[in-house]
Amino acid sequence: MAKATARWSGSKTKFTIEAGSGHQAQVDEAAPFSDDEGMRPTEMLLGALGGCTGVNAALLLKKFQQPFRSLAVQVEGDQEAEWPRAFSSIRINFEIGWEDGFTPDAVKVEKALDMACNRYCPVDATLTTGTRISHSHSSSAGREQP
């Protein structure tokens, strides 16, 4: 099971996201709500999609013998005007720099990118098929939680 914990920093809306792997990232909001000391949670969501599809694209392009020298995954999303301002559409653009003198096979590249998004990326699958989310709470009554 994957796990992440968002811990409040004690300052306005800044949180530290701690992943089960031990890595961390900061999230925050801009003024007037906070001090803009981290990514917005919505940016983190887009970044997670870009990172997930990017990892898979890199592996699949190598598997399909399409040597690249650079790969950037740009993810843009349109949000609804009303709260909760859900994303109404998201676009992924793969910017690939090929090795000098290499001519990519368009069919293999398209297959790799399609598989990276639609077959192997759990973030894409979660966003496109949806998932049930539930919530609960516990209280520490002034005690430090383990």
N, C-alpha and C. Protein backbone atom coordinates (compact mmCIF):
# COMPACT_ATOMS: atom_id res chain seq x y z
N MET A 1 0.85 -1.17 0.00
CA MET A 1 0.00 0.00 0.00
C MET A 1 0.90 1.24 0.00
N ALA A 2 0.60 2.17 -0.88
CA ALA A 2 1.32 3.44 -0.93
C ALA A 2 0.80 4.34 0.18
N LYS A 3 1.67 5.20 0.71
CA LYS A 3 1.25 6.05 1.81
C LYS A 3 2.01 7.37 1.78
N ALA A 4 1.32 8.43 2.13
CA ALA A 4 1.94 9.74 2.30
C ALA A 4 1.22 10.43 3.45
N THR A 5 1.96 11.23 4.21
CA THR A 5 1.39 11.97 5.33
C THR A 5 1.67 13.44 5.13
N ALA A 6 0.64 14.26 5.23
CA ALA A 6 0.78 15.71 5.15
C ALA A 6 0.78 16.24 6.58
N ARG A 7 1.91 16.82 7.01
CA ARG A 7 2.05 17.34 8.36
C ARG A 7 2.10 18.86 8.35
N TRP A 8 1.21 19.48 9.11
CA TRP A 8 1.16 20.93 9.21
C TRP A 8 2.45 21.43 9.84
N SER A 9 3.00 22.48 9.29
CA SER A 9 4.27 23.04 9.76
C SER A 9 4.10 23.92 11.00
N GLY A 10 2.86 24.28 11.30
CA GLY A 10 2.60 25.20 12.39
C GLY A 10 2.47 26.63 11.90
N SER A 11 2.63 26.82 10.59
CA SER A 11 2.58 28.15 10.01
C SER A 11 1.54 28.21 8.89
N LYS A 12 0.50 28.98 9.10
CA LYS A 12 -0.55 29.25 8.11
C LYS A 12 -1.01 27.97 7.41
N THR A 13 -0.75 27.83 6.09
CA THR A 13 -1.22 26.64 5.36
C THR A 13 -0.07 25.80 4.81
N LYS A 14 1.11 25.93 5.36
CA LYS A 14 2.27 25.16 4.87
C LYS A 14 2.27 23.77 5.50
N PHE A 15 2.40 22.76 4.63
CA PHE A 15 2.48 21.37 5.05
C PHE A 15 3.72 20.72 4.45
N THR A 16 4.27 19.74 5.15
CA THR A 16 5.32 18.90 4.61
C THR A 16 4.69 17.56 4.28
N ILE A 17 4.84 17.13 3.05
CA ILE A 17 4.34 15.83 2.62
C ILE A 17 5.47 14.83 2.81
N GLU A 18 5.23 13.83 3.60
CA GLU A 18 6.22 12.78 3.86
C GLU A 18 5.73 11.50 3.19
N ALA A 19 6.50 11.00 2.24
CA ALA A 19 6.13 9.78 1.54
C ALA A 19 6.61 8.56 2.31
N GLY A 20 5.96 7.44 2.06
CA GLY A 20 6.38 6.19 2.66
C GLY A 20 7.81 5.82 2.32
N SER A 21 8.31 6.34 1.21
CA SER A 21 9.69 6.08 0.79
C SER A 21 10.71 6.90 1.57
N GLY A 22 10.22 7.87 2.37
CA GLY A 22 11.11 8.72 3.14
C GLY A 22 11.38 10.07 2.51
N HIS A 23 10.93 10.30 1.30
CA HIS A 23 11.14 11.59 0.63
C HIS A 23 10.09 12.60 1.09
N GLN A 24 10.43 13.90 0.93
CA GLN A 24 9.54 14.95 1.38
C GLN A 24 9.38 16.03 0.32
N ALA A 25 8.26 16.74 0.40
CA ALA A 25 7.99 17.91 -0.45
C ALA A 25 7.14 18.88 0.36
N GLN A 26 7.20 20.14 -0.01
CA GLN A 26 6.43 21.17 0.69
C GLN A 26 5.23 21.59 -0.17
N VAL A 27 4.08 21.80 0.50
CA VAL A 27 2.93 22.40 -0.17
C VAL A 27 2.49 23.61 0.65
N ASP A 28 1.97 24.61 -0.06
CA ASP A 28 1.53 25.84 0.59
C ASP A 28 0.59 26.55 -0.38
N GLU A 29 0.02 27.63 0.07
CA GLU A 29 -0.82 28.48 -0.76
C GLU A 29 -0.17 29.84 -0.87
N ALA A 30 -0.60 30.59 -1.85
CA ALA A 30 -0.10 31.96 -2.05
C ALA A 30 -0.87 32.92 -1.14
N ALA A 31 -0.39 34.16 -1.10
CA ALA A 31 -1.07 35.22 -0.36
C ALA A 31 -2.48 35.39 -0.94
N PRO A 32 -3.46 35.70 -0.20
CA PRO A 32 -3.44 36.13 1.19
C PRO A 32 -3.54 34.98 2.19
N PHE A 33 -3.69 33.74 1.71
CA PHE A 33 -3.87 32.61 2.61
C PHE A 33 -2.60 32.21 3.34
N SER A 34 -1.46 32.34 2.67
CA SER A 34 -0.22 31.88 3.28
C SER A 34 0.97 32.61 2.68
N ASP A 35 2.16 32.00 2.78
CA ASP A 35 3.41 32.66 2.41
C ASP A 35 4.07 32.12 1.14
N ASP A 36 3.38 31.26 0.39
CA ASP A 36 3.90 30.77 -0.90
C ASP A 36 5.26 30.08 -0.74
N GLU A 37 5.35 29.13 0.21
CA GLU A 37 6.61 28.44 0.48
C GLU A 37 6.66 27.02 -0.06
N GLY A 38 5.76 26.68 -0.96
CA GLY A 38 5.77 25.35 -1.54
C GLY A 38 4.81 25.28 -2.71
N MET A 39 4.81 24.13 -3.37
CA MET A 39 3.88 23.92 -4.48
C MET A 39 2.44 23.93 -3.95
N ARG A 40 1.52 24.30 -4.81
CA ARG A 40 0.11 24.15 -4.48
C ARG A 40 -0.20 22.65 -4.56
N PRO A 41 -1.13 22.16 -3.77
CA PRO A 41 -1.50 20.75 -3.88
C PRO A 41 -1.94 20.37 -5.30
N THR A 42 -2.64 21.29 -6.00
CA THR A 42 -3.05 20.99 -7.37
C THR A 42 -1.85 20.88 -8.31
N GLU A 43 -0.81 21.68 -8.07
CA GLU A 43 0.42 21.56 -8.87
C GLU A 43 1.11 20.23 -8.58
N MET A 44 1.04 19.80 -7.33
CA MET A 44 1.65 18.52 -6.97
C MET A 44 0.93 17.37 -7.69
N LEU A 45 -0.40 17.49 -7.81
CA LEU A 45 -1.17 16.48 -8.52
C LEU A 45 -0.73 16.41 -9.99
N LEU A 46 -0.61 17.57 -10.64
CA LEU A 46 -0.15 17.60 -12.03
C LEU A 46 1.28 17.06 -12.13
N GLY A 47 2.11 17.43 -11.15
CA GLY A 47 3.49 16.94 -11.14
C GLY A 47 3.57 15.43 -10.96
N ALA A 48 2.68 14.88 -10.13
CA ALA A 48 2.64 13.43 -9.94
C ALA A 48 2.28 12.73 -11.25
N LEU A 49 1.34 13.31 -11.99
CA LEU A 49 0.96 12.74 -13.29
C LEU A 49 2.13 12.82 -14.27
N GLY A 50 2.80 13.97 -14.31
CA GLY A 50 3.95 14.12 -15.20
C GLY A 50 5.09 13.19 -14.83
N GLY A 51 5.35 13.06 -13.53
CA GLY A 51 6.42 12.18 -13.08
C GLY A 51 6.13 10.72 -13.38
N CYS A 52 4.90 10.31 -13.13
CA CYS A 52 4.51 8.92 -13.35
C CYS A 52 4.57 8.54 -14.84
N THR A 53 3.97 9.38 -15.68
CA THR A 53 4.00 9.09 -17.12
C THR A 53 5.42 9.23 -17.67
N GLY A 54 6.19 10.16 -17.10
CA GLY A 54 7.57 10.35 -17.55
C GLY A 54 8.46 9.16 -17.25
N VAL A 55 8.36 8.62 -16.05
CA VAL A 55 9.15 7.43 -15.69
C VAL A 55 8.83 6.29 -16.65
N ASN A 56 7.53 6.08 -16.89
CA ASN A 56 7.13 4.99 -17.78
C ASN A 56 7.56 5.26 -19.22
N ALA A 57 7.45 6.52 -19.67
CA ALA A 57 7.88 6.85 -21.03
C ALA A 57 9.37 6.59 -21.21
N ALA A 58 10.17 6.99 -20.22
CA ALA A 58 11.62 6.76 -20.32
C ALA A 58 11.94 5.27 -20.43
N LEU A 59 11.29 4.46 -19.61
CA LEU A 59 11.54 3.02 -19.65
C LEU A 59 11.08 2.41 -20.98
N LEU A 60 9.92 2.82 -21.46
CA LEU A 60 9.38 2.25 -22.69
C LEU A 60 10.14 2.71 -23.93
N LEU A 61 10.55 3.98 -23.97
CA LEU A 61 11.34 4.45 -25.12
C LEU A 61 12.65 3.68 -25.20
N LYS A 62 13.26 3.41 -24.06
CA LYS A 62 14.50 2.61 -24.06
C LYS A 62 14.21 1.19 -24.53
N LYS A 63 13.11 0.61 -24.01
CA LYS A 63 12.74 -0.76 -24.40
C LYS A 63 12.49 -0.86 -25.91
N PHE A 64 11.88 0.18 -26.48
CA PHE A 64 11.58 0.19 -27.91
C PHE A 64 12.74 0.74 -28.74
N GLN A 65 13.91 0.86 -28.12
CA GLN A 65 15.14 1.28 -28.80
C GLN A 65 14.98 2.63 -29.51
N GLN A 66 14.45 3.59 -28.76
CA GLN A 66 14.29 4.96 -29.25
C GLN A 66 15.15 5.85 -28.36
N PRO A 67 16.46 5.95 -28.67
CA PRO A 67 17.38 6.65 -27.79
C PRO A 67 17.14 8.16 -27.74
N PHE A 68 16.90 8.66 -26.54
CA PHE A 68 16.66 10.09 -26.35
C PHE A 68 17.75 10.66 -25.45
N ARG A 69 17.96 11.97 -25.60
CA ARG A 69 18.94 12.64 -24.74
C ARG A 69 18.26 13.51 -23.69
N SER A 70 16.98 13.86 -23.93
CA SER A 70 16.23 14.64 -22.94
C SER A 70 14.76 14.29 -23.04
N LEU A 71 14.09 14.41 -21.91
CA LEU A 71 12.66 14.13 -21.85
C LEU A 71 12.05 15.03 -20.78
N ALA A 72 11.10 15.85 -21.17
CA ALA A 72 10.35 16.69 -20.23
C ALA A 72 8.87 16.43 -20.46
N VAL A 73 8.14 16.34 -19.38
CA VAL A 73 6.71 16.08 -19.47
C VAL A 73 5.99 17.31 -18.91
N GLN A 74 5.35 18.04 -19.79
CA GLN A 74 4.60 19.23 -19.39
C GLN A 74 3.14 18.84 -19.21
N VAL A 75 2.60 19.15 -18.04
CA VAL A 75 1.22 18.81 -17.73
C VAL A 75 0.48 20.10 -17.38
N GLU A 76 -0.60 20.35 -18.09
CA GLU A 76 -1.42 21.55 -17.86
C GLU A 76 -2.85 21.11 -17.59
N GLY A 77 -3.51 21.83 -16.69
CA GLY A 77 -4.89 21.50 -16.39
C GLY A 77 -5.77 22.73 -16.33
N ASP A 78 -7.00 22.58 -16.78
CA ASP A 78 -8.01 23.63 -16.68
C ASP A 78 -8.87 23.31 -15.47
N GLN A 79 -9.02 24.33 -14.59
CA GLN A 79 -9.83 24.14 -13.40
C GLN A 79 -11.16 24.87 -13.54
N GLU A 80 -12.18 24.28 -12.95
CA GLU A 80 -13.49 24.91 -12.95
C GLU A 80 -13.44 26.19 -12.13
N ALA A 81 -14.30 27.15 -12.46
CA ALA A 81 -14.31 28.44 -11.78
C ALA A 81 -14.85 28.35 -10.35
N GLU A 82 -15.76 27.44 -10.11
CA GLU A 82 -16.41 27.33 -8.79
C GLU A 82 -15.70 26.27 -7.94
N TRP A 83 -15.75 26.47 -6.62
CA TRP A 83 -15.17 25.51 -5.68
C TRP A 83 -15.92 24.21 -5.75
N PRO A 84 -15.23 23.10 -5.75
CA PRO A 84 -13.86 22.92 -5.31
C PRO A 84 -12.80 23.10 -6.40
N ARG A 85 -13.15 23.73 -7.51
CA ARG A 85 -12.23 24.03 -8.60
C ARG A 85 -11.53 22.76 -9.13
N ALA A 86 -12.32 21.74 -9.34
CA ALA A 86 -11.79 20.48 -9.87
C ALA A 86 -11.23 20.70 -11.27
N PHE A 87 -10.32 19.86 -11.67
CA PHE A 87 -9.81 19.92 -13.03
C PHE A 87 -10.88 19.40 -13.98
N SER A 88 -11.15 20.16 -15.02
CA SER A 88 -12.12 19.74 -16.04
C SER A 88 -11.42 19.07 -17.21
N SER A 89 -10.16 19.39 -17.43
CA SER A 89 -9.35 18.71 -18.45
C SER A 89 -7.89 18.86 -18.09
N ILE A 90 -7.12 17.85 -18.49
CA ILE A 90 -5.67 17.84 -18.26
C ILE A 90 -5.01 17.38 -19.55
N ARG A 91 -3.94 18.07 -19.92
CA ARG A 91 -3.19 17.74 -21.13
C ARG A 91 -1.74 17.42 -20.76
N ILE A 92 -1.22 16.36 -21.38
CA ILE A 92 0.17 15.95 -21.18
C ILE A 92 0.90 16.12 -22.50
N ASN A 93 2.05 16.81 -22.46
CA ASN A 93 2.88 16.98 -23.65
C ASN A 93 4.29 16.48 -23.33
N PHE A 94 4.74 15.51 -24.11
CA PHE A 94 6.09 14.97 -23.96
C PHE A 94 7.02 15.72 -24.89
N GLU A 95 8.03 16.36 -24.34
CA GLU A 95 9.05 17.05 -25.13
C GLU A 95 10.29 16.17 -25.13
N ILE A 96 10.61 15.61 -26.29
CA ILE A 96 11.68 14.62 -26.39
C ILE A 96 12.80 15.17 -27.27
N GLY A 97 14.00 15.14 -26.74
CA GLY A 97 15.19 15.46 -27.52
C GLY A 97 15.89 14.16 -27.88
N TRP A 98 16.03 13.92 -29.16
CA TRP A 98 16.60 12.66 -29.63
C TRP A 98 18.12 12.73 -29.70
N GLU A 99 18.74 11.57 -29.60
CA GLU A 99 20.19 11.48 -29.74
C GLU A 99 20.58 12.00 -31.13
N ASP A 100 21.74 12.63 -31.21
CA ASP A 100 22.22 13.17 -32.49
C ASP A 100 22.24 12.09 -33.55
N GLY A 101 21.68 12.41 -34.72
CA GLY A 101 21.69 11.50 -35.86
C GLY A 101 20.61 10.43 -35.81
N PHE A 102 19.81 10.39 -34.75
CA PHE A 102 18.77 9.37 -34.64
C PHE A 102 17.45 9.90 -35.18
N THR A 103 16.79 9.07 -36.00
CA THR A 103 15.46 9.39 -36.50
C THR A 103 14.48 8.48 -35.79
N PRO A 104 13.60 9.04 -34.95
CA PRO A 104 12.69 8.19 -34.20
C PRO A 104 11.66 7.51 -35.08
N ASP A 105 11.25 6.32 -34.66
CA ASP A 105 10.18 5.58 -35.31
C ASP A 105 8.86 6.08 -34.71
N ALA A 106 8.08 6.83 -35.48
CA ALA A 106 6.87 7.47 -34.98
C ALA A 106 5.89 6.47 -34.38
N VAL A 107 5.78 5.30 -34.97
CA VAL A 107 4.85 4.28 -34.46
C VAL A 107 5.31 3.79 -33.08
N LYS A 108 6.60 3.53 -32.93
CA LYS A 108 7.13 3.06 -31.65
C LYS A 108 7.03 4.13 -30.58
N VAL A 109 7.30 5.37 -30.94
CA VAL A 109 7.22 6.46 -29.99
C VAL A 109 5.78 6.64 -29.51
N GLU A 110 4.84 6.66 -30.43
CA GLU A 110 3.43 6.82 -30.05
C GLU A 110 2.97 5.65 -29.17
N LYS A 111 3.39 4.45 -29.51
CA LYS A 111 3.02 3.27 -28.70
C LYS A 111 3.61 3.40 -27.30
N ALA A 112 4.86 3.80 -27.20
CA ALA A 112 5.50 3.95 -25.89
C ALA A 112 4.78 4.99 -25.05
N LEU A 113 4.45 6.14 -25.64
CA LEU A 113 3.78 7.20 -24.89
C LEU A 113 2.36 6.82 -24.51
N ASP A 114 1.65 6.15 -25.40
CA ASP A 114 0.31 5.69 -25.09
C ASP A 114 0.33 4.69 -23.93
N MET A 115 1.27 3.76 -23.97
CA MET A 115 1.39 2.78 -22.89
C MET A 115 1.82 3.45 -21.58
N ALA A 116 2.70 4.45 -21.68
CA ALA A 116 3.16 5.17 -20.49
C ALA A 116 1.99 5.82 -19.77
N CYS A 117 1.05 6.35 -20.53
CA CYS A 117 -0.11 7.02 -19.93
C CYS A 117 -1.23 6.05 -19.60
N ASN A 118 -1.62 5.24 -20.54
CA ASN A 118 -2.86 4.48 -20.46
C ASN A 118 -2.74 3.05 -19.97
N ARG A 119 -1.52 2.56 -19.82
CA ARG A 119 -1.39 1.18 -19.37
C ARG A 119 -0.61 1.05 -18.06
N TYR A 120 0.45 1.85 -17.90
CA TYR A 120 1.34 1.64 -16.77
C TYR A 120 1.32 2.71 -15.68
N CYS A 121 0.62 3.81 -15.87
CA CYS A 121 0.66 4.90 -14.90
C CYS A 121 -0.54 4.84 -13.96
N PRO A 122 -0.32 4.49 -12.68
CA PRO A 122 -1.44 4.44 -11.75
C PRO A 122 -2.04 5.82 -11.47
N VAL A 123 -1.26 6.88 -11.60
CA VAL A 123 -1.80 8.22 -11.38
C VAL A 123 -2.80 8.54 -12.49
N ASP A 124 -2.43 8.29 -13.75
CA ASP A 124 -3.35 8.50 -14.87
C ASP A 124 -4.60 7.65 -14.70
N ALA A 125 -4.43 6.38 -14.35
CA ALA A 125 -5.57 5.48 -14.19
C ALA A 125 -6.51 5.97 -13.10
N THR A 126 -5.96 6.48 -12.00
CA THR A 126 -6.78 6.99 -10.91
C THR A 126 -7.58 8.21 -11.35
N LEU A 127 -6.92 9.11 -12.07
CA LEU A 127 -7.60 10.33 -12.51
C LEU A 127 -8.63 10.06 -13.60
N THR A 128 -8.36 9.13 -14.51
CA THR A 128 -9.29 8.89 -15.62
C THR A 128 -10.43 7.95 -15.25
N THR A 129 -10.19 7.02 -14.34
CA THR A 129 -11.26 6.09 -13.98
C THR A 129 -11.91 6.44 -12.66
N GLY A 130 -11.27 7.30 -11.92
CA GLY A 130 -11.81 7.69 -10.62
C GLY A 130 -11.54 6.65 -9.56
N THR A 131 -11.71 7.05 -8.35
CA THR A 131 -11.52 6.14 -7.22
C THR A 131 -12.37 6.62 -6.06
N ARG A 132 -12.76 5.71 -5.23
CA ARG A 132 -13.54 6.07 -4.06
C ARG A 132 -12.57 6.60 -2.99
N ILE A 133 -12.88 7.75 -2.42
CA ILE A 133 -12.07 8.34 -1.36
C ILE A 133 -12.93 8.47 -0.12
N SER A 134 -12.42 8.01 1.00
CA SER A 134 -13.14 8.15 2.26
C SER A 134 -12.26 8.91 3.23
N HIS A 135 -12.85 9.39 4.31
CA HIS A 135 -12.05 10.09 5.31
C HIS A 135 -12.51 9.70 6.71
N SER A 136 -11.61 9.87 7.67
CA SER A 136 -11.90 9.63 9.07
C SER A 136 -11.05 10.61 9.87
N HIS A 137 -11.14 10.58 11.17
CA HIS A 137 -10.28 11.44 11.98
C HIS A 137 -9.99 10.78 13.32
N SER A 138 -8.92 11.21 13.94
CA SER A 138 -8.58 10.80 15.29
C SER A 138 -8.08 12.04 16.01
N SER A 139 -8.16 12.02 17.31
CA SER A 139 -7.74 13.18 18.11
C SER A 139 -6.60 12.78 19.02
N SER A 140 -5.67 13.71 19.18
CA SER A 140 -4.53 13.43 20.06
C SER A 140 -4.69 14.08 21.42
N ALA A 141 -5.68 14.96 21.59
CA ALA A 141 -5.95 15.64 22.86
C ALA A 141 -4.69 16.22 23.49
N GLY A 142 -3.89 16.92 22.65
CA GLY A 142 -2.68 17.57 23.15
C GLY A 142 -1.47 16.65 23.24
N ARG A 143 -1.66 15.36 22.97
CA ARG A 143 -0.53 14.42 22.99
C ARG A 143 0.10 14.39 21.61
N GLU A 144 1.38 14.16 21.58
CA GLU A 144 2.11 13.97 20.32
C GLU A 144 1.70 12.62 19.76
N GLN A 145 1.27 12.59 18.50
CA GLN A 145 0.90 11.33 17.88
C GLN A 145 2.15 10.61 17.40
N PRO A 146 2.17 9.30 17.50
CA PRO A 146 3.34 8.54 17.03
C PRO A 146 3.50 8.58 15.54
